[in-house]
PDB file of N, CA and C in Angstrom:
ATOM      1  N   UNK A   1     114.172   4.151-103.437  1.00  0.00           N
ATOM      2  CA  UNK A   1     114.962   2.940-103.291  1.00  0.00           C
ATOM      3  C   UNK A   1     114.714   2.340-101.918  1.00  0.00           C
ATOM      4  N   UNK A   2     113.484   2.196-101.568  1.00  0.00           N
ATOM      5  CA  UNK A   2     113.147   1.599-100.277  1.00  0.00           C
ATOM      6  C   UNK A   2     113.324   0.093-100.338  1.00  0.00           C
ATOM      7  N   UNK A   3     113.959  -0.473 -99.321  1.00  0.00           N
ATOM      8  CA  UNK A   3     113.962  -1.926 -99.257  1.00  0.00           C
ATOM      9  C   UNK A   3     112.584  -2.370 -98.787  1.00  0.00           C
ATOM     10  N   UNK A   4     112.462  -3.562 -98.381  1.00  0.00           N
ATOM     11  CA  UNK A   4     111.182  -4.064 -97.885  1.00  0.00           C
ATOM     12  C   UNK A   4     110.806  -3.272 -96.649  1.00  0.00           C
ATOM     13  N   UNK A   5     109.875  -2.353 -96.799  1.00  0.00           N
ATOM     14  CA  UNK A   5     109.536  -1.423 -95.718  1.00  0.00           C
ATOM     15  C   UNK A   5     109.033  -2.154 -94.489  1.00  0.00           C
ATOM     16  N   UNK A   6     108.220  -3.185 -94.673  1.00  0.00           N
ATOM     17  CA  UNK A   6     107.679  -3.905 -93.533  1.00  0.00           C
ATOM     18  C   UNK A   6     108.638  -4.917 -92.941  1.00  0.00           C
ATOM     19  N   UNK A   7     109.714  -5.197 -93.658  1.00  0.00           N
ATOM     20  CA  UNK A   7     110.662  -6.220 -93.202  1.00  0.00           C
ATOM     21  C   UNK A   7     111.527  -5.683 -92.071  1.00  0.00           C
ATOM     22  N   UNK A   8     112.014  -6.586 -91.283  1.00  0.00           N
ATOM     23  CA  UNK A   8     112.918  -6.209 -90.205  1.00  0.00           C
ATOM     24  C   UNK A   8     114.347  -6.252 -90.731  1.00  0.00           C
ATOM     25  N   UNK A   9     114.902  -5.088 -90.968  1.00  0.00           N
ATOM     26  CA  UNK A   9     116.282  -4.995 -91.429  1.00  0.00           C
ATOM     27  C   UNK A   9     117.218  -5.057 -90.239  1.00  0.00           C
ATOM     28  N   UNK A  10     118.342  -5.689 -90.433  1.00  0.00           N
ATOM     29  CA  UNK A  10     119.388  -5.670 -89.416  1.00  0.00           C
ATOM     30  C   UNK A  10     120.124  -4.350 -89.547  1.00  0.00           C
ATOM     31  N   UNK A  11     120.710  -3.864 -88.464  1.00  0.00           N
ATOM     32  CA  UNK A  11     121.394  -2.567 -88.524  1.00  0.00           C
ATOM     33  C   UNK A  11     122.464  -2.482 -89.613  1.00  0.00           C
ATOM     34  N   UNK A  12     123.215  -3.555 -89.821  1.00  0.00           N
ATOM     35  CA  UNK A  12     124.253  -3.525 -90.851  1.00  0.00           C
ATOM     36  C   UNK A  12     123.619  -3.433 -92.244  1.00  0.00           C
ATOM     37  N   UNK A  13     122.508  -4.117 -92.443  1.00  0.00           N
ATOM     38  CA  UNK A  13     121.809  -4.025 -93.720  1.00  0.00           C
ATOM     39  C   UNK A  13     121.314  -2.610 -93.953  1.00  0.00           C
ATOM     40  N   UNK A  14     120.785  -2.004 -92.918  1.00  0.00           N
ATOM     41  CA  UNK A  14     120.318  -0.624 -93.021  1.00  0.00           C
ATOM     42  C   UNK A  14     121.479   0.308 -93.353  1.00  0.00           C
ATOM     43  N   UNK A  15     122.583   0.146 -92.672  1.00  0.00           N
ATOM     44  CA  UNK A  15     123.763   0.980 -92.890  1.00  0.00           C
ATOM     45  C   UNK A  15     124.199   0.911 -94.354  1.00  0.00           C
ATOM     46  N   UNK A  16     124.304  -0.288 -94.884  1.00  0.00           N
ATOM     47  CA  UNK A  16     124.703  -0.473 -96.284  1.00  0.00           C
ATOM     48  C   UNK A  16     123.674   0.138 -97.234  1.00  0.00           C
ATOM     49  N   UNK A  17     122.403  -0.066 -96.926  1.00  0.00           N
ATOM     50  CA  UNK A  17     121.342   0.491 -97.766  1.00  0.00           C
ATOM     51  C   UNK A  17     121.419   2.017 -97.798  1.00  0.00           C
ATOM     52  N   UNK A  18     121.603   2.636 -96.644  1.00  0.00           N
ATOM     53  CA  UNK A  18     121.656   4.090 -96.582  1.00  0.00           C
ATOM     54  C   UNK A  18     122.871   4.644 -97.323  1.00  0.00           C
ATOM     55  N   UNK A  19     124.011   3.960 -97.218  1.00  0.00           N
ATOM     56  CA  UNK A  19     125.189   4.407 -97.955  1.00  0.00           C
ATOM     57  C   UNK A  19     124.965   4.295 -99.462  1.00  0.00           C
ATOM     58  N   UNK A  20     124.267   3.248 -99.892  1.00  0.00           N
ATOM     59  CA  UNK A  20     123.938   3.131-101.324  1.00  0.00           C
ATOM     60  C   UNK A  20     122.975   4.235-101.749  1.00  0.00           C
ATOM     61  N   UNK A  21     122.058   4.601-100.897  1.00  0.00           N
ATOM     62  CA  UNK A  21     121.121   5.691-101.207  1.00  0.00           C
ATOM     63  C   UNK A  21     121.861   7.009-101.397  1.00  0.00           C
ATOM     64  N   UNK A  22     122.937   7.202-100.669  1.00  0.00           N
ATOM     65  CA  UNK A  22     123.704   8.450-100.785  1.00  0.00           C
ATOM     66  C   UNK A  22     124.220   8.655-102.205  1.00  0.00           C
ATOM     67  N   UNK A  23     124.496   7.582-102.906  1.00  0.00           N
ATOM     68  CA  UNK A  23     125.001   7.695-104.277  1.00  0.00           C
ATOM     69  C   UNK A  23     123.998   8.363-105.209  1.00  0.00           C
ATOM     70  N   UNK A  24     122.733   8.371-104.833  1.00  0.00           N
ATOM     71  CA  UNK A  24     121.695   8.958-105.673  1.00  0.00           C
ATOM     72  C   UNK A  24     121.554  10.461-105.473  1.00  0.00           C
ATOM     73  N   UNK A  25     122.208  10.998-104.464  1.00  0.00           N
ATOM     74  CA  UNK A  25     122.124  12.434-104.215  1.00  0.00           C
ATOM     75  C   UNK A  25     122.879  13.202-105.299  1.00  0.00           C
ATOM     76  N   UNK A  26     122.413  14.397-105.633  1.00  0.00           N
ATOM     77  CA  UNK A  26     122.934  15.090-106.808  1.00  0.00           C
ATOM     78  C   UNK A  26     124.370  15.622-106.715  1.00  0.00           C
ATOM     79  N   UNK A  27     124.836  16.051-105.547  1.00  0.00           N
ATOM     80  CA  UNK A  27     126.185  16.624-105.476  1.00  0.00           C
ATOM     81  C   UNK A  27     127.064  15.825-104.525  1.00  0.00           C
ATOM     82  N   UNK A  28     128.346  15.938-104.765  1.00  0.00           N
ATOM     83  CA  UNK A  28     129.325  15.257-103.919  1.00  0.00           C
ATOM     84  C   UNK A  28     129.273  15.792-102.485  1.00  0.00           C
ATOM     85  N   UNK A  29     129.020  17.076-102.329  1.00  0.00           N
ATOM     86  CA  UNK A  29     128.943  17.673-100.981  1.00  0.00           C
ATOM     87  C   UNK A  29     127.779  17.076-100.190  1.00  0.00           C
ATOM     88  N   UNK A  30     126.628  16.913-100.846  1.00  0.00           N
ATOM     89  CA  UNK A  30     125.477  16.296-100.169  1.00  0.00           C
ATOM     90  C   UNK A  30     125.783  14.853 -99.803  1.00  0.00           C
ATOM     91  N   UNK A  31     126.393  14.139-100.726  1.00  0.00           N
ATOM     92  CA  UNK A  31     126.731  12.741-100.465  1.00  0.00           C
ATOM     93  C   UNK A  31     127.657  12.627 -99.264  1.00  0.00           C
ATOM     94  N   UNK A  32     128.657  13.482 -99.216  1.00  0.00           N
ATOM     95  CA  UNK A  32     129.606  13.467 -98.100  1.00  0.00           C
ATOM     96  C   UNK A  32     128.906  13.799 -96.784  1.00  0.00           C
ATOM     97  N   UNK A  33     128.041  14.805 -96.806  1.00  0.00           N
ATOM     98  CA  UNK A  33     127.311  15.202 -95.598  1.00  0.00           C
ATOM     99  C   UNK A  33     126.464  14.054 -95.059  1.00  0.00           C
ATOM    100  N   UNK A  34     125.684  13.425 -95.930  1.00  0.00           N
ATOM    101  CA  UNK A  34     124.793  12.364 -95.469  1.00  0.00           C
ATOM    102  C   UNK A  34     125.551  11.081 -95.105  1.00  0.00           C
ATOM    103  N   UNK A  35     126.656  10.795 -95.793  1.00  0.00           N
ATOM    104  CA  UNK A  35     127.482   9.640 -95.385  1.00  0.00           C
ATOM    105  C   UNK A  35     128.006   9.839 -93.975  1.00  0.00           C
ATOM    106  N   UNK A  36     128.455  11.058 -93.685  1.00  0.00           N
ATOM    107  CA  UNK A  36     128.953  11.360 -92.344  1.00  0.00           C
ATOM    108  C   UNK A  36     127.839  11.207 -91.304  1.00  0.00           C
ATOM    109  N   UNK A  37     126.656  11.725 -91.615  1.00  0.00           N
ATOM    110  CA  UNK A  37     125.524  11.622 -90.689  1.00  0.00           C
ATOM    111  C   UNK A  37     125.132  10.164 -90.456  1.00  0.00           C
ATOM    112  N   UNK A  38     125.180   9.355 -91.493  1.00  0.00           N
ATOM    113  CA  UNK A  38     124.847   7.926 -91.370  1.00  0.00           C
ATOM    114  C   UNK A  38     125.858   7.226 -90.460  1.00  0.00           C
ATOM    115  N   UNK A  39     127.132   7.497 -90.682  1.00  0.00           N
ATOM    116  CA  UNK A  39     128.166   6.882 -89.833  1.00  0.00           C
ATOM    117  C   UNK A  39     128.002   7.290 -88.374  1.00  0.00           C
ATOM    118  N   UNK A  40     127.740   8.563 -88.150  1.00  0.00           N
ATOM    119  CA  UNK A  40     127.556   9.038 -86.776  1.00  0.00           C
ATOM    120  C   UNK A  40     126.360   8.363 -86.112  1.00  0.00           C
ATOM    121  N   UNK A  41     125.263   8.274 -86.831  1.00  0.00           N
ATOM    122  CA  UNK A  41     124.069   7.628 -86.291  1.00  0.00           C
ATOM    123  C   UNK A  41     124.301   6.160 -85.985  1.00  0.00           C
ATOM    124  N   UNK A  42     125.028   5.501 -86.874  1.00  0.00           N
ATOM    125  CA  UNK A  42     125.310   4.081 -86.676  1.00  0.00           C
ATOM    126  C   UNK A  42     126.170   3.866 -85.433  1.00  0.00           C
ATOM    127  N   UNK A  43     127.213   4.655 -85.286  1.00  0.00           N
ATOM    128  CA  UNK A  43     128.087   4.471 -84.118  1.00  0.00           C
ATOM    129  C   UNK A  43     127.415   4.911 -82.825  1.00  0.00           C
ATOM    130  N   UNK A  44     126.570   5.945 -82.893  1.00  0.00           N
ATOM    131  CA  UNK A  44     125.925   6.405 -81.662  1.00  0.00           C
ATOM    132  C   UNK A  44     124.878   5.417 -81.149  1.00  0.00           C
ATOM    133  N   UNK A  45     124.326   4.593 -82.028  1.00  0.00           N
ATOM    134  CA  UNK A  45     123.322   3.610 -81.611  1.00  0.00           C
ATOM    135  C   UNK A  45     123.878   2.184 -81.580  1.00  0.00           C
ATOM    136  N   UNK A  46     125.200   2.046 -81.711  1.00  0.00           N
ATOM    137  CA  UNK A  46     125.812   0.716 -81.767  1.00  0.00           C
ATOM    138  C   UNK A  46     125.612  -0.078 -80.476  1.00  0.00           C
ATOM    139  N   UNK A  47     125.461   0.595 -79.350  1.00  0.00           N
ATOM    140  CA  UNK A  47     125.328  -0.109 -78.071  1.00  0.00           C
ATOM    141  C   UNK A  47     123.870  -0.335 -77.666  1.00  0.00           C
ATOM    142  N   UNK A  48     122.943  -0.051 -78.572  1.00  0.00           N
ATOM    143  CA  UNK A  48     121.511  -0.222 -78.278  1.00  0.00           C
ATOM    144  C   UNK A  48     121.178  -1.709 -78.163  1.00  0.00           C
ATOM    145  N   UNK A  49     120.599  -2.111 -77.013  1.00  0.00           N
ATOM    146  CA  UNK A  49     120.291  -3.523 -76.764  1.00  0.00           C
ATOM    147  C   UNK A  49     118.822  -3.870 -76.992  1.00  0.00           C
ATOM    148  N   UNK A  50     117.952  -2.926 -76.824  1.00  0.00           N
ATOM    149  CA  UNK A  50     116.518  -3.175 -76.933  1.00  0.00           C
ATOM    150  C   UNK A  50     116.125  -3.348 -78.405  1.00  0.00           C
ATOM    151  N   UNK A  51     115.702  -4.565 -78.759  1.00  0.00           N
ATOM    152  CA  UNK A  51     115.384  -4.867 -80.153  1.00  0.00           C
ATOM    153  C   UNK A  51     114.202  -4.045 -80.677  1.00  0.00           C
ATOM    154  N   UNK A  52     113.261  -3.750 -79.826  1.00  0.00           N
ATOM    155  CA  UNK A  52     112.126  -2.933 -80.251  1.00  0.00           C
ATOM    156  C   UNK A  52     112.601  -1.521 -80.605  1.00  0.00           C
ATOM    157  N   UNK A  53     113.470  -0.981 -79.795  1.00  0.00           N
ATOM    158  CA  UNK A  53     114.032   0.353 -80.059  1.00  0.00           C
ATOM    159  C   UNK A  53     114.870   0.334 -81.334  1.00  0.00           C
ATOM    160  N   UNK A  54     115.642  -0.708 -81.546  1.00  0.00           N
ATOM    161  CA  UNK A  54     116.453  -0.825 -82.759  1.00  0.00           C
ATOM    162  C   UNK A  54     115.559  -0.817 -83.996  1.00  0.00           C
ATOM    163  N   UNK A  55     114.460  -1.569 -83.949  1.00  0.00           N
ATOM    164  CA  UNK A  55     113.551  -1.606 -85.090  1.00  0.00           C
ATOM    165  C   UNK A  55     112.885  -0.255 -85.322  1.00  0.00           C
ATOM    166  N   UNK A  56     112.590   0.474 -84.256  1.00  0.00           N
ATOM    167  CA  UNK A  56     112.027   1.819 -84.406  1.00  0.00           C
ATOM    168  C   UNK A  56     113.032   2.743 -85.104  1.00  0.00           C
ATOM    169  N   UNK A  57     114.285   2.640 -84.709  1.00  0.00           N
ATOM    170  CA  UNK A  57     115.341   3.452 -85.316  1.00  0.00           C
ATOM    171  C   UNK A  57     115.491   3.089 -86.792  1.00  0.00           C
ATOM    172  N   UNK A  58     115.482   1.800 -87.093  1.00  0.00           N
ATOM    173  CA  UNK A  58     115.620   1.322 -88.472  1.00  0.00           C
ATOM    174  C   UNK A  58     114.470   1.839 -89.329  1.00  0.00           C
ATOM    175  N   UNK A  59     113.245   1.687 -88.841  1.00  0.00           N
ATOM    176  CA  UNK A  59     112.078   2.132 -89.607  1.00  0.00           C
ATOM    177  C   UNK A  59     112.121   3.637 -89.849  1.00  0.00           C
ATOM    178  N   UNK A  60     112.491   4.388 -88.843  1.00  0.00           N
ATOM    179  CA  UNK A  60     112.570   5.843 -88.987  1.00  0.00           C
ATOM    180  C   UNK A  60     113.651   6.227 -89.994  1.00  0.00           C
ATOM    181  N   UNK A  61     114.782   5.531 -89.962  1.00  0.00           N
ATOM    182  CA  UNK A  61     115.873   5.833 -90.891  1.00  0.00           C
ATOM    183  C   UNK A  61     115.466   5.563 -92.336  1.00  0.00           C
ATOM    184  N   UNK A  62     114.725   4.493 -92.563  1.00  0.00           N
ATOM    185  CA  UNK A  62     114.262   4.171 -93.915  1.00  0.00           C
ATOM    186  C   UNK A  62     113.300   5.246 -94.414  1.00  0.00           C
ATOM    187  N   UNK A  63     112.378   5.659 -93.568  1.00  0.00           N
ATOM    188  CA  UNK A  63     111.414   6.707 -93.940  1.00  0.00           C
ATOM    189  C   UNK A  63     112.148   8.025 -94.210  1.00  0.00           C
ATOM    190  N   UNK A  64     113.102   8.369 -93.356  1.00  0.00           N
ATOM    191  CA  UNK A  64     113.859   9.613 -93.543  1.00  0.00           C
ATOM    192  C   UNK A  64     114.663   9.585 -94.840  1.00  0.00           C
ATOM    193  N   UNK A  65     115.288   8.443 -95.132  1.00  0.00           N
ATOM    194  CA  UNK A  65     116.072   8.322 -96.369  1.00  0.00           C
ATOM    195  C   UNK A  65     115.177   8.488 -97.589  1.00  0.00           C
ATOM    196  N   UNK A  66     114.012   7.895 -97.546  1.00  0.00           N
ATOM    197  CA  UNK A  66     113.073   8.031 -98.663  1.00  0.00           C
ATOM    198  C   UNK A  66     112.663   9.496 -98.824  1.00  0.00           C
ATOM    199  N   UNK A  67     112.402  10.176 -97.726  1.00  0.00           N
ATOM    200  CA  UNK A  67     112.019  11.580 -97.782  1.00  0.00           C
ATOM    201  C   UNK A  67     113.126  12.431 -98.395  1.00  0.00           C
ATOM    202  N   UNK A  68     114.366  12.190 -97.968  1.00  0.00           N
ATOM    203  CA  UNK A  68     115.500  12.963 -98.478  1.00  0.00           C
ATOM    204  C   UNK A  68     115.686  12.715 -99.973  1.00  0.00           C
ATOM    205  N   UNK A  69     115.624  11.459-100.395  1.00  0.00           N
ATOM    206  CA  UNK A  69     115.784  11.154-101.814  1.00  0.00           C
ATOM    207  C   UNK A  69     114.666  11.766-102.642  1.00  0.00           C
ATOM    208  N   UNK A  70     113.453  11.739-102.129  1.00  0.00           N
ATOM    209  CA  UNK A  70     112.320  12.344-102.834  1.00  0.00           C
ATOM    210  C   UNK A  70     112.500  13.859-102.926  1.00  0.00           C
ATOM    211  N   UNK A  71     112.945  14.457-101.853  1.00  0.00           N
ATOM    212  CA  UNK A  71     113.147  15.908-101.812  1.00  0.00           C
ATOM    213  C   UNK A  71     114.141  16.344-102.879  1.00  0.00           C
ATOM    214  N   UNK A  72     115.289  15.673-102.961  1.00  0.00           N
ATOM    215  CA  UNK A  72     116.307  16.082-103.898  1.00  0.00           C
ATOM    216  C   UNK A  72     116.043  15.615-105.321  1.00  0.00           C
ATOM    217  N   UNK A  73     115.267  14.569-105.498  1.00  0.00           N
ATOM    218  CA  UNK A  73     114.948  14.140-106.863  1.00  0.00           C
ATOM    219  C   UNK A  73     113.957  15.099-107.513  1.00  0.00           C
ATOM    220  N   UNK A  74     113.140  15.776-106.738  1.00  0.00           N
ATOM    221  CA  UNK A  74     112.202  16.764-107.277  1.00  0.00           C
ATOM    222  C   UNK A  74     112.905  18.036-107.723  1.00  0.00           C
ATOM    223  N   UNK A  75     114.075  18.312-107.169  1.00  0.00           N
ATOM    224  CA  UNK A  75     114.807  19.541-107.502  1.00  0.00           C
ATOM    225  C   UNK A  75     115.567  19.428-108.815  1.00  0.00           C
ATOM    226  N   UNK A  76     115.681  18.254-109.374  1.00  0.00           N
ATOM    227  CA  UNK A  76     116.440  18.074-110.620  1.00  0.00           C
ATOM    228  C   UNK A  76     115.794  18.785-111.765  1.00  0.00           C
TER     229      UNK A  76
END
């Protein structure tokens, strides 16, 4: 469920996308764990001013989310 990988997502768009991705995880415990991690990451980087750094964080988060979804979808 990757959005436009090459596109520049805004942090709020990324946050919403990642929370929607959590719904695809197989168990409620996993969903809760990753929702918590997403919220923590969002708040810890909320004061980031450098747009280049923000885009690096966004791109990495999208790649990581895809990896996690692929990992757990193979276990089904």
